[in-house]
Amino acid sequence: MMEALALLRLYGEWGADTALDDRPTDWLSRPAPSALPPAGTHDAAQVSIPPRPASRPQPPAAAPAMPAAPEPRRTPRPAAPGAPAGAEDGLPLIDRAVPPAPQAPAAPTKQGAQHAARAGVDACGLRATATHTVAAAGEAPGRLLLIGEPPDAAEDRGGTPFAGPMGELLDRMLASIGLARADMLLAPVIPWRPPGERPPSAAELRICTPFLHRLIALAAPRKVIAMGNTPARLLTGETTGIARLRGRWRDITLPGQAAPIALLPMRHPSQLGASPTARRDAWKDLLLLRTTLDSGKDTD
């Protein structure tokens, strides 16, 4: 008996909820129910009324429509300078985040140029993560400005451009054509080292570019050397690599300046170990620089 109850309980757990006969039943061979006689020819007691089918559940009544929620109020964008009150400037977020470069009079000394070029760069977040601000260094009696890549770890620790092993390699490169650091002004393309020496973002370059332009304007060099991909692309406005940009002088015009400046893109010292081709390119560019300085021409 207990086994039969356990078996029934197991059938119930499996979903069997209907008991069947021992012999199969042919439901299709059962006679169809007789039609109802015409109305008025039978007694109500003799009429078998078929059971009413179970009524289908009616869908719930539709809830009254809720009033539409008011749209959130949008904060208008700050209007551009000179625009009427309440007008949107229509600028992307990065354009509104980049502060305009302040206009300052020319500084007669290198210290004044450095201070003016660094003024107002608080909007760049790299300043909070860097150890030092790598400012321009050296004098420029020959009016030659050398701009390098963003500071690396050695430059960030010392606060001077082209420090450490890359600086020693630069000294040997310059000495091969009779030049030295004392013959030029050296500066990084941005004054702070990105964390992990990652490439600077587009926003960071946008923030720092006006102050690099201002440093060039205050230093007033006759020739600029752009060493590396970042300064070469930034100053020429081109997107190709240094392998295509190098090899020839070109004239660049900075905002607010009418006279163009001669620019020579070159490989950075950190790229010379990449291949013999990179070292050959650097030597050709050094010879071009020496020839241009000896001839007294702006371009060659």
C-alpha atoms as a PDB file:
ATOM      1  CA  MET A   1       0.000   0.000   0.000  1.00  0.00           C
ATOM      2  CA  MET A   2       2.777   2.411   0.911  1.00  0.00           C
ATOM      3  CA  GLU A   3       4.523   1.630  -2.345  1.00  0.00           C
ATOM      4  CA  ALA A   4       1.360   2.456  -4.342  1.00  0.00           C
ATOM      5  CA  LEU A   5       0.994   5.803  -2.540  1.00  0.00           C
ATOM      6  CA  ALA A   6       4.646   6.606  -3.172  1.00  0.00           C
ATOM      7  CA  LEU A   7       4.145   5.756  -6.843  1.00  0.00           C
ATOM      8  CA  LEU A   8       1.106   8.021  -7.090  1.00  0.00           C
ATOM      9  CA  ARG A   9       2.996  10.819  -5.392  1.00  0.00           C
ATOM     10  CA  LEU A  10       5.837  10.368  -7.907  1.00  0.00           C
ATOM     11  CA  TYR A  11       3.338  10.501 -10.797  1.00  0.00           C
ATOM     12  CA  GLY A  12       1.943  13.713  -9.371  1.00  0.00           C
ATOM     13  CA  GLU A  13       5.408  15.250  -9.151  1.00  0.00           C
ATOM     14  CA  TRP A  14       5.970  14.308 -12.777  1.00  0.00           C
ATOM     15  CA  GLY A  15       2.780  16.110 -13.805  1.00  0.00           C
ATOM     16  CA  ALA A  16       0.375  13.171 -14.270  1.00  0.00           C
ATOM     17  CA  ASP A  17      -2.973  14.554 -13.022  1.00  0.00           C
ATOM     18  CA  THR A  18      -5.526  12.390 -14.978  1.00  0.00           C
ATOM     19  CA  ALA A  19      -6.334   8.670 -14.438  1.00  0.00           C
ATOM     20  CA  LEU A  20      -6.898   6.562 -17.571  1.00  0.00           C
ATOM     21  CA  ASP A  21      -8.811   3.311 -18.140  1.00  0.00           C
ATOM     22  CA  ASP A  22      -7.099   0.016 -18.595  1.00  0.00           C
ATOM     23  CA  ARG A  23      -8.507  -0.198 -22.126  1.00  0.00           C
ATOM     24  CA  PRO A  24      -8.154   2.610 -24.701  1.00  0.00           C
ATOM     25  CA  THR A  25     -11.218   4.722 -25.483  1.00  0.00           C
ATOM     26  CA  ASP A  26     -12.036   5.772 -29.053  1.00  0.00           C
ATOM     27  CA  TRP A  27     -13.407   9.255 -28.472  1.00  0.00           C
ATOM     28  CA  LEU A  28     -14.035   9.787 -32.198  1.00  0.00           C
ATOM     29  CA  SER A  29     -16.516   6.871 -32.427  1.00  0.00           C
ATOM     30  CA  ARG A  30     -18.834   8.254 -29.755  1.00  0.00           C
ATOM     31  CA  PRO A  31     -22.252   9.421 -31.117  1.00  0.00           C
ATOM     32  CA  ALA A  32     -22.663  13.114 -31.692  1.00  0.00           C
ATOM     33  CA  PRO A  33     -25.140  14.903 -29.418  1.00  0.00           C
ATOM     34  CA  SER A  34     -28.699  15.242 -30.867  1.00  0.00           C
ATOM     35  CA  ALA A  35     -29.828  18.614 -32.142  1.00  0.00           C
ATOM     36  CA  LEU A  36     -32.283  20.624 -30.128  1.00  0.00           C
ATOM     37  CA  PRO A  37     -35.934  20.437 -31.247  1.00  0.00           C
ATOM     38  CA  PRO A  38     -37.625  23.548 -32.575  1.00  0.00           C
ATOM     39  CA  ALA A  39     -38.789  26.044 -30.062  1.00  0.00           C
ATOM     40  CA  GLY A  40     -42.320  25.573 -28.692  1.00  0.00           C
ATOM     41  CA  THR A  41     -42.579  21.803 -29.518  1.00  0.00           C
ATOM     42  CA  HIS A  42     -41.079  20.433 -26.355  1.00  0.00           C
ATOM     43  CA  ASP A  43     -41.379  20.654 -22.679  1.00  0.00           C
ATOM     44  CA  ALA A  44     -38.806  22.502 -20.798  1.00  0.00           C
ATOM     45  CA  ALA A  45     -38.258  19.463 -18.597  1.00  0.00           C
ATOM     46  CA  GLN A  46     -37.491  17.226 -21.573  1.00  0.00           C
ATOM     47  CA  VAL A  47     -34.883  19.478 -23.084  1.00  0.00           C
ATOM     48  CA  SER A  48     -31.354  18.713 -22.080  1.00  0.00           C
ATOM     49  CA  ILE A  49     -29.490  21.932 -21.993  1.00  0.00           C
ATOM     50  CA  PRO A  50     -25.824  21.424 -22.620  1.00  0.00           C
ATOM     51  CA  PRO A  51     -23.560  22.788 -20.000  1.00  0.00           C
ATOM     52  CA  ARG A  52     -22.412  26.314 -20.588  1.00  0.00           C
ATOM     53  CA  PRO A  53     -18.794  26.600 -21.429  1.00  0.00           C
ATOM     54  CA  ALA A  54     -16.640  28.212 -18.910  1.00  0.00           C
ATOM     55  CA  SER A  55     -16.619  31.891 -19.468  1.00  0.00           C
ATOM     56  CA  ARG A  56     -13.377  33.271 -20.698  1.00  0.00           C
ATOM     57  CA  PRO A  57     -11.639  35.615 -18.354  1.00  0.00           C
ATOM     58  CA  GLN A  58     -12.307  39.134 -19.368  1.00  0.00           C
ATOM     59  CA  PRO A  59      -9.341  41.428 -19.660  1.00  0.00           C
ATOM     60  CA  PRO A  60      -9.128  43.972 -16.915  1.00  0.00           C
ATOM     61  CA  ALA A  61     -10.527  47.327 -17.645  1.00  0.00           C
ATOM     62  CA  ALA A  62      -8.019  49.733 -19.003  1.00  0.00           C
ATOM     63  CA  ALA A  63      -6.618  51.989 -16.381  1.00  0.00           C
ATOM     64  CA  PRO A  64      -7.275  55.644 -16.882  1.00  0.00           C
ATOM     65  CA  ALA A  65      -4.547  57.310 -18.824  1.00  0.00           C
ATOM     66  CA  MET A  66      -2.011  59.055 -16.638  1.00  0.00           C
ATOM     67  CA  PRO A  67      -1.160  62.593 -17.514  1.00  0.00           C
ATOM     68  CA  ALA A  68       2.084  62.883 -19.440  1.00  0.00           C
ATOM     69  CA  ALA A  69       5.080  63.754 -17.304  1.00  0.00           C
ATOM     70  CA  PRO A  70       6.501  67.167 -18.017  1.00  0.00           C
ATOM     71  CA  GLU A  71       9.733  67.183 -20.036  1.00  0.00           C
ATOM     72  CA  PRO A  72      12.864  67.887 -17.997  1.00  0.00           C
ATOM     73  CA  ARG A  73      14.031  71.428 -18.204  1.00  0.00           C
ATOM     74  CA  ARG A  74      17.247  71.754 -20.137  1.00  0.00           C
ATOM     75  CA  THR A  75      19.972  74.045 -18.935  1.00  0.00           C
ATOM     76  CA  PRO A  76      20.946  76.343 -21.786  1.00  0.00           C
ATOM     77  CA  ARG A  77      24.550  76.351 -22.904  1.00  0.00           C
ATOM     78  CA  PRO A  78      26.635  79.386 -22.096  1.00  0.00           C
ATOM     79  CA  ALA A  79      26.462  81.828 -24.925  1.00  0.00           C
ATOM     80  CA  ALA A  80      29.558  82.670 -26.907  1.00  0.00           C
ATOM     81  CA  PRO A  81      31.202  86.069 -26.300  1.00  0.00           C
ATOM     82  CA  GLY A  82      29.277  88.737 -28.112  1.00  0.00           C
ATOM     83  CA  ALA A  83      26.229  86.529 -28.693  1.00  0.00           C
ATOM     84  CA  PRO A  84      22.809  87.661 -27.535  1.00  0.00           C
ATOM     85  CA  ALA A  85      21.612  86.523 -24.128  1.00  0.00           C
ATOM     86  CA  GLY A  86      20.141  83.029 -24.141  1.00  0.00           C
ATOM     87  CA  ALA A  87      21.728  82.037 -27.471  1.00  0.00           C
ATOM     88  CA  GLU A  88      23.511  78.701 -27.625  1.00  0.00           C
ATOM     89  CA  ASP A  89      27.053  78.708 -28.962  1.00  0.00           C
ATOM     90  CA  GLY A  90      26.624  75.332 -30.696  1.00  0.00           C
ATOM     91  CA  LEU A  91      30.197  74.329 -29.890  1.00  0.00           C
ATOM     92  CA  PRO A  92      31.250  70.801 -28.901  1.00  0.00           C
ATOM     93  CA  LEU A  93      32.096  70.209 -25.273  1.00  0.00           C
ATOM     94  CA  ILE A  94      35.838  70.112 -25.956  1.00  0.00           C
ATOM     95  CA  ASP A  95      35.701  73.543 -27.625  1.00  0.00           C
ATOM     96  CA  ARG A  96      34.017  75.082 -24.585  1.00  0.00           C
ATOM     97  CA  ALA A  97      36.442  73.341 -22.218  1.00  0.00           C
ATOM     98  CA  VAL A  98      39.583  74.684 -23.921  1.00  0.00           C
ATOM     99  CA  PRO A  99      40.377  78.144 -22.577  1.00  0.00           C
ATOM    100  CA  PRO A 100      41.479  80.789 -25.065  1.00  0.00           C
ATOM    101  CA  ALA A 101      45.144  81.771 -24.991  1.00  0.00           C
ATOM    102  CA  PRO A 102      45.531  85.110 -23.246  1.00  0.00           C
ATOM    103  CA  GLN A 103      47.021  87.980 -25.147  1.00  0.00           C
ATOM    104  CA  ALA A 104      50.194  89.260 -23.497  1.00  0.00           C
ATOM    105  CA  PRO A 105      52.874  91.713 -24.530  1.00  0.00           C
ATOM    106  CA  ALA A 106      56.204  90.391 -25.705  1.00  0.00           C
ATOM    107  CA  ALA A 107      58.550  89.421 -22.901  1.00  0.00           C
ATOM    108  CA  PRO A 108      62.127  90.622 -23.445  1.00  0.00           C
ATOM    109  CA  THR A 109      63.765  87.823 -21.443  1.00  0.00           C
ATOM    110  CA  LYS A 110      63.646  84.040 -21.520  1.00  0.00           C
ATOM    111  CA  GLN A 111      62.250  83.972 -17.982  1.00  0.00           C
ATOM    112  CA  GLY A 112      59.474  86.302 -18.992  1.00  0.00           C
ATOM    113  CA  ALA A 113      58.667  84.169 -22.030  1.00  0.00           C
ATOM    114  CA  GLN A 114      58.493  81.024 -19.914  1.00  0.00           C
ATOM    115  CA  HIS A 115      56.269  82.652 -17.306  1.00  0.00           C
ATOM    116  CA  ALA A 116      53.941  84.070 -19.950  1.00  0.00           C
ATOM    117  CA  ALA A 117      53.714  80.766 -21.809  1.00  0.00           C
ATOM    118  CA  ARG A 118      52.773  78.868 -18.635  1.00  0.00           C
ATOM    119  CA  ALA A 119      50.231  81.398 -17.380  1.00  0.00           C
ATOM    120  CA  GLY A 120      46.673  80.172 -17.282  1.00  0.00           C
ATOM    121  CA  VAL A 121      47.325  76.508 -18.123  1.00  0.00           C
ATOM    122  CA  ASP A 122      45.539  75.338 -14.961  1.00  0.00           C
ATOM    123  CA  ALA A 123      42.789  73.782 -17.103  1.00  0.00           C
ATOM    124  CA  CYS A 124      45.082  70.895 -18.118  1.00  0.00           C
ATOM    125  CA  GLY A 125      44.760  67.940 -15.750  1.00  0.00           C
ATOM    126  CA  LEU A 126      48.328  66.778 -16.492  1.00  0.00           C
ATOM    127  CA  ARG A 127      49.597  69.491 -14.187  1.00  0.00           C
ATOM    128  CA  ALA A 128      48.217  67.642 -11.153  1.00  0.00           C
ATOM    129  CA  THR A 129      49.841  64.307 -12.011  1.00  0.00           C
ATOM    130  CA  ALA A 130      53.275  65.522 -13.103  1.00  0.00           C
ATOM    131  CA  THR A 131      56.194  65.959 -10.708  1.00  0.00           C
ATOM    132  CA  HIS A 132      57.593  69.095 -12.342  1.00  0.00           C
ATOM    133  CA  THR A 133      56.633  71.582 -15.004  1.00  0.00           C
ATOM    134  CA  VAL A 134      59.187  71.156 -17.776  1.00  0.00           C
ATOM    135  CA  ALA A 135      59.753  74.672 -19.038  1.00  0.00           C
ATOM    136  CA  ALA A 136      61.907  75.912 -21.876  1.00  0.00           C
ATOM    137  CA  ALA A 137      65.622  75.923 -21.120  1.00  0.00           C
ATOM    138  CA  GLY A 138      68.692  77.517 -22.639  1.00  0.00           C
ATOM    139  CA  GLU A 139      69.423  80.714 -24.477  1.00  0.00           C
ATOM    140  CA  ALA A 140      68.747  81.416 -28.107  1.00  0.00           C
ATOM    141  CA  PRO A 141      71.520  83.644 -29.472  1.00  0.00           C
ATOM    142  CA  GLY A 142      71.148  82.063 -32.887  1.00  0.00           C
ATOM    143  CA  ARG A 143      67.331  82.197 -32.651  1.00  0.00           C
ATOM    144  CA  LEU A 144      67.002  78.425 -33.027  1.00  0.00           C
ATOM    145  CA  LEU A 145      64.168  76.734 -31.121  1.00  0.00           C
ATOM    146  CA  LEU A 146      64.101  72.938 -30.672  1.00  0.00           C
ATOM    147  CA  ILE A 147      60.745  71.431 -29.618  1.00  0.00           C
ATOM    148  CA  GLY A 148      60.614  67.818 -28.455  1.00  0.00           C
ATOM    149  CA  GLU A 149      58.059  65.213 -27.491  1.00  0.00           C
ATOM    150  CA  PRO A 150      56.097  65.339 -24.188  1.00  0.00           C
ATOM    151  CA  PRO A 151      58.371  64.932 -21.152  1.00  0.00           C
ATOM    152  CA  ASP A 152      59.469  61.426 -20.205  1.00  0.00           C
ATOM    153  CA  ALA A 153      60.272  60.177 -16.693  1.00  0.00           C
ATOM    154  CA  ALA A 154      63.782  61.689 -16.620  1.00  0.00           C
ATOM    155  CA  GLU A 155      62.566  65.083 -17.798  1.00  0.00           C
ATOM    156  CA  ASP A 156      59.698  64.996 -15.301  1.00  0.00           C
ATOM    157  CA  ARG A 157      62.076  64.266 -12.399  1.00  0.00           C
ATOM    158  CA  GLY A 158      64.537  66.995 -13.325  1.00  0.00           C
ATOM    159  CA  GLY A 159      62.149  69.584 -14.714  1.00  0.00           C
ATOM    160  CA  THR A 160      64.366  70.248 -17.754  1.00  0.00           C
ATOM    161  CA  PRO A 161      63.801  69.262 -21.390  1.00  0.00           C
ATOM    162  CA  PHE A 162      65.927  66.575 -23.003  1.00  0.00           C
ATOM    163  CA  ALA A 163      67.276  65.148 -19.755  1.00  0.00           C
ATOM    164  CA  GLY A 164      68.585  61.654 -19.055  1.00  0.00           C
ATOM    165  CA  PRO A 165      69.773  59.228 -21.745  1.00  0.00           C
ATOM    166  CA  MET A 166      67.776  60.945 -24.496  1.00  0.00           C
ATOM    167  CA  GLY A 167      69.403  64.237 -23.598  1.00  0.00           C
ATOM    168  CA  GLU A 168      72.878  62.703 -23.798  1.00  0.00           C
ATOM    169  CA  LEU A 169      72.057  61.282 -27.214  1.00  0.00           C
ATOM    170  CA  LEU A 170      70.807  64.694 -28.355  1.00  0.00           C
ATOM    171  CA  ASP A 171      74.073  66.281 -27.214  1.00  0.00           C
ATOM    172  CA  ARG A 172      76.034  63.813 -29.361  1.00  0.00           C
ATOM    173  CA  MET A 173      73.754  64.479 -32.334  1.00  0.00           C
ATOM    174  CA  LEU A 174      74.247  68.235 -32.059  1.00  0.00           C
ATOM    175  CA  ALA A 175      78.004  67.892 -31.510  1.00  0.00           C
ATOM    176  CA  SER A 176      78.301  65.946 -34.772  1.00  0.00           C
ATOM    177  CA  ILE A 177      77.429  69.136 -36.702  1.00  0.00           C
ATOM    178  CA  GLY A 178      79.184  71.583 -34.358  1.00  0.00           C
ATOM    179  CA  LEU A 179      76.178  72.655 -32.269  1.00  0.00           C
ATOM    180  CA  ALA A 180      75.437  72.554 -28.533  1.00  0.00           C
ATOM    181  CA  ARG A 181      72.577  73.267 -26.169  1.00  0.00           C
ATOM    182  CA  ALA A 182      73.934  76.753 -25.605  1.00  0.00           C
ATOM    183  CA  ASP A 183      73.196  77.541 -29.247  1.00  0.00           C
ATOM    184  CA  MET A 184      69.443  77.114 -28.974  1.00  0.00           C
ATOM    185  CA  LEU A 185      66.324  77.189 -26.833  1.00  0.00           C
ATOM    186  CA  LEU A 186      64.869  73.781 -25.962  1.00  0.00           C
ATOM    187  CA  ALA A 187      61.261  73.111 -24.954  1.00  0.00           C
ATOM    188  CA  PRO A 188      58.814  70.186 -24.850  1.00  0.00           C
ATOM    189  CA  VAL A 189      55.632  70.286 -26.889  1.00  0.00           C
ATOM    190  CA  ILE A 190      53.637  70.236 -23.619  1.00  0.00           C
ATOM    191  CA  PRO A 191      55.109  71.094 -20.212  1.00  0.00           C
ATOM    192  CA  TRP A 192      53.864  68.028 -18.283  1.00  0.00           C
ATOM    193  CA  ARG A 193      54.464  64.298 -18.540  1.00  0.00           C
ATOM    194  CA  PRO A 194      51.317  62.232 -19.250  1.00  0.00           C
ATOM    195  CA  PRO A 195      50.872  59.382 -16.736  1.00  0.00           C
ATOM    196  CA  GLY A 196      52.717  56.280 -17.869  1.00  0.00           C
ATOM    197  CA  GLU A 197      54.169  58.282 -20.784  1.00  0.00           C
ATOM    198  CA  ARG A 198      51.006  57.674 -22.783  1.00  0.00           C
ATOM    199  CA  PRO A 199      50.363  59.907 -25.796  1.00  0.00           C
ATOM    200  CA  PRO A 200      48.626  63.156 -24.830  1.00  0.00           C
ATOM    201  CA  SER A 201      44.916  63.228 -25.555  1.00  0.00           C
ATOM    202  CA  ALA A 202      43.308  65.542 -28.085  1.00  0.00           C
ATOM    203  CA  ALA A 203      41.864  67.706 -25.289  1.00  0.00           C
ATOM    204  CA  GLU A 204      45.251  68.021 -23.559  1.00  0.00           C
ATOM    205  CA  LEU A 205      46.891  69.081 -26.806  1.00  0.00           C
ATOM    206  CA  ARG A 206      44.092  71.556 -27.497  1.00  0.00           C
ATOM    207  CA  ILE A 207      44.591  73.138 -24.097  1.00  0.00           C
ATOM    208  CA  CYS A 208      48.387  73.375 -24.339  1.00  0.00           C
ATOM    209  CA  THR A 209      48.734  74.340 -28.016  1.00  0.00           C
ATOM    210  CA  PRO A 210      47.892  78.056 -27.611  1.00  0.00           C
ATOM    211  CA  PHE A 211      50.618  78.408 -24.991  1.00  0.00           C
ATOM    212  CA  LEU A 212      53.163  76.645 -27.208  1.00  0.00           C
ATOM    213  CA  HIS A 213      52.263  79.112 -29.953  1.00  0.00           C
ATOM    214  CA  ARG A 214      52.735  81.918 -27.478  1.00  0.00           C
ATOM    215  CA  LEU A 215      56.149  80.635 -26.423  1.00  0.00           C
ATOM    216  CA  ILE A 216      57.235  80.546 -30.076  1.00  0.00           C
ATOM    217  CA  ALA A 217      55.939  84.077 -30.585  1.00  0.00           C
ATOM    218  CA  LEU A 218      57.775  85.372 -27.508  1.00  0.00           C
ATOM    219  CA  ALA A 219      61.025  83.585 -28.352  1.00  0.00           C
ATOM    220  CA  ALA A 220      60.756  84.824 -31.962  1.00  0.00           C
ATOM    221  CA  PRO A 221      63.040  82.167 -33.495  1.00  0.00           C
ATOM    222  CA  ARG A 222      64.010  82.315 -37.144  1.00  0.00           C
ATOM    223  CA  LYS A 223      64.014  78.514 -37.339  1.00  0.00           C
ATOM    224  CA  VAL A 224      62.176  75.808 -35.418  1.00  0.00           C
ATOM    225  CA  ILE A 225      63.182  72.147 -35.149  1.00  0.00           C
ATOM    226  CA  ALA A 226      60.253  69.814 -34.386  1.00  0.00           C
ATOM    227  CA  MET A 227      61.691  66.545 -33.067  1.00  0.00           C
ATOM    228  CA  GLY A 228      59.154  63.719 -33.051  1.00  0.00           C
ATOM    229  CA  ASN A 229      55.652  62.944 -34.253  1.00  0.00           C
ATOM    230  CA  THR A 230      53.724  65.045 -31.729  1.00  0.00           C
ATOM    231  CA  PRO A 231      55.381  68.458 -32.308  1.00  0.00           C
ATOM    232  CA  ALA A 232      55.694  67.897 -36.057  1.00  0.00           C
ATOM    233  CA  ARG A 233      52.016  67.048 -36.477  1.00  0.00           C
ATOM    234  CA  LEU A 234      50.884  69.766 -34.100  1.00  0.00           C
ATOM    235  CA  LEU A 235      52.806  72.578 -35.801  1.00  0.00           C
ATOM    236  CA  THR A 236      52.313  71.490 -39.405  1.00  0.00           C
ATOM    237  CA  GLY A 237      48.682  70.439 -39.035  1.00  0.00           C
ATOM    238  CA  GLU A 238      49.346  67.176 -40.891  1.00  0.00           C
ATOM    239  CA  THR A 239      48.486  63.693 -39.658  1.00  0.00           C
ATOM    240  CA  THR A 240      51.221  61.621 -41.287  1.00  0.00           C
ATOM    241  CA  GLY A 241      54.181  60.262 -39.346  1.00  0.00           C
ATOM    242  CA  ILE A 242      57.588  61.818 -38.940  1.00  0.00           C
ATOM    243  CA  ALA A 243      59.018  59.471 -41.604  1.00  0.00           C
ATOM    244  CA  ARG A 244      56.999  61.386 -44.230  1.00  0.00           C
ATOM    245  CA  LEU A 245      57.187  64.828 -42.645  1.00  0.00           C
ATOM    246  CA  ARG A 246      60.958  64.963 -42.223  1.00  0.00           C
ATOM    247  CA  GLY A 247      63.559  65.791 -44.858  1.00  0.00           C
ATOM    248  CA  ARG A 248      62.639  69.327 -45.886  1.00  0.00           C
ATOM    249  CA  TRP A 249      62.016  72.780 -44.509  1.00  0.00           C
ATOM    250  CA  ARG A 250      58.536  74.193 -44.596  1.00  0.00           C
ATOM    251  CA  ASP A 251      56.998  77.527 -43.626  1.00  0.00           C
ATOM    252  CA  ILE A 252      54.368  77.575 -40.902  1.00  0.00           C
ATOM    253  CA  THR A 253      52.183  80.477 -39.857  1.00  0.00           C
ATOM    254  CA  LEU A 254      51.035  80.655 -36.259  1.00  0.00           C
ATOM    255  CA  PRO A 255      47.815  82.354 -35.121  1.00  0.00           C
ATOM    256  CA  GLY A 256      48.307  86.075 -34.682  1.00  0.00           C
ATOM    257  CA  GLN A 257      51.528  86.193 -36.714  1.00  0.00           C
ATOM    258  CA  ALA A 258      51.812  87.431 -40.247  1.00  0.00           C
ATOM    259  CA  ALA A 259      55.359  86.314 -41.000  1.00  0.00           C
ATOM    260  CA  PRO A 260      55.912  82.574 -41.485  1.00  0.00           C
ATOM    261  CA  ILE A 261      58.527  80.616 -39.551  1.00  0.00           C
ATOM    262  CA  ALA A 262      60.857  78.018 -41.070  1.00  0.00           C
ATOM    263  CA  LEU A 263      60.238  74.570 -39.556  1.00  0.00           C
ATOM    264  CA  LEU A 264      62.273  71.379 -39.998  1.00  0.00           C
ATOM    265  CA  PRO A 265      60.672  68.136 -38.735  1.00  0.00           C
ATOM    266  CA  MET A 266      63.226  65.603 -37.476  1.00  0.00           C
ATOM    267  CA  ARG A 267      63.247  62.268 -35.710  1.00  0.00           C
ATOM    268  CA  HIS A 268      63.375  62.334 -31.925  1.00  0.00           C
ATOM    269  CA  PRO A 269      66.469  60.788 -30.280  1.00  0.00           C
ATOM    270  CA  SER A 270      64.233  58.085 -28.793  1.00  0.00           C
ATOM    271  CA  GLN A 271      63.470  56.852 -32.354  1.00  0.00           C
ATOM    272  CA  LEU A 272      67.052  56.298 -33.446  1.00  0.00           C
ATOM    273  CA  GLY A 273      67.218  52.788 -32.008  1.00  0.00           C
ATOM    274  CA  ALA A 274      64.258  51.638 -34.084  1.00  0.00           C
ATOM    275  CA  SER A 275      66.152  50.852 -37.285  1.00  0.00           C
ATOM    276  CA  PRO A 276      69.205  51.816 -39.362  1.00  0.00           C
ATOM    277  CA  THR A 277      66.800  53.785 -41.579  1.00  0.00           C
ATOM    278  CA  ALA A 278      65.844  56.021 -38.654  1.00  0.00           C
ATOM    279  CA  ARG A 279      69.501  56.755 -37.881  1.00  0.00           C
ATOM    280  CA  ARG A 280      70.217  57.494 -41.541  1.00  0.00           C
ATOM    281  CA  ASP A 281      67.242  59.880 -41.689  1.00  0.00           C
ATOM    282  CA  ALA A 282      68.450  61.690 -38.562  1.00  0.00           C
ATOM    283  CA  TRP A 283      71.926  62.136 -40.018  1.00  0.00           C
ATOM    284  CA  LYS A 284      70.521  63.535 -43.277  1.00  0.00           C
ATOM    285  CA  ASP A 285      68.388  66.027 -41.376  1.00  0.00           C
ATOM    286  CA  LEU A 286      71.338  67.120 -39.227  1.00  0.00           C
ATOM    287  CA  LEU A 287      73.371  67.774 -42.381  1.00  0.00           C
ATOM    288  CA  LEU A 288      70.443  69.744 -43.824  1.00  0.00           C
ATOM    289  CA  LEU A 289      70.269  71.825 -40.651  1.00  0.00           C
ATOM    290  CA  ARG A 290      73.999  72.528 -40.726  1.00  0.00           C
ATOM    291  CA  THR A 291      73.902  73.485 -44.399  1.00  0.00           C
ATOM    292  CA  THR A 292      70.969  75.825 -43.837  1.00  0.00           C
ATOM    293  CA  LEU A 293      72.624  77.540 -40.882  1.00  0.00           C
ATOM    294  CA  ASP A 294      75.888  78.002 -42.820  1.00  0.00           C
ATOM    295  CA  SER A 295      74.135  79.462 -45.844  1.00  0.00           C
ATOM    296  CA  GLY A 296      72.041  81.820 -43.751  1.00  0.00           C
ATOM    297  CA  LYS A 297      68.839  80.804 -45.530  1.00  0.00           C
ATOM    298  CA  ASP A 298      65.519  80.289 -43.840  1.00  0.00           C
ATOM    299  CA  THR A 299      64.704  77.229 -45.931  1.00  0.00           C
ATOM    300  CA  ASP A 300      66.545  74.885 -48.233  1.00  0.00           C
END
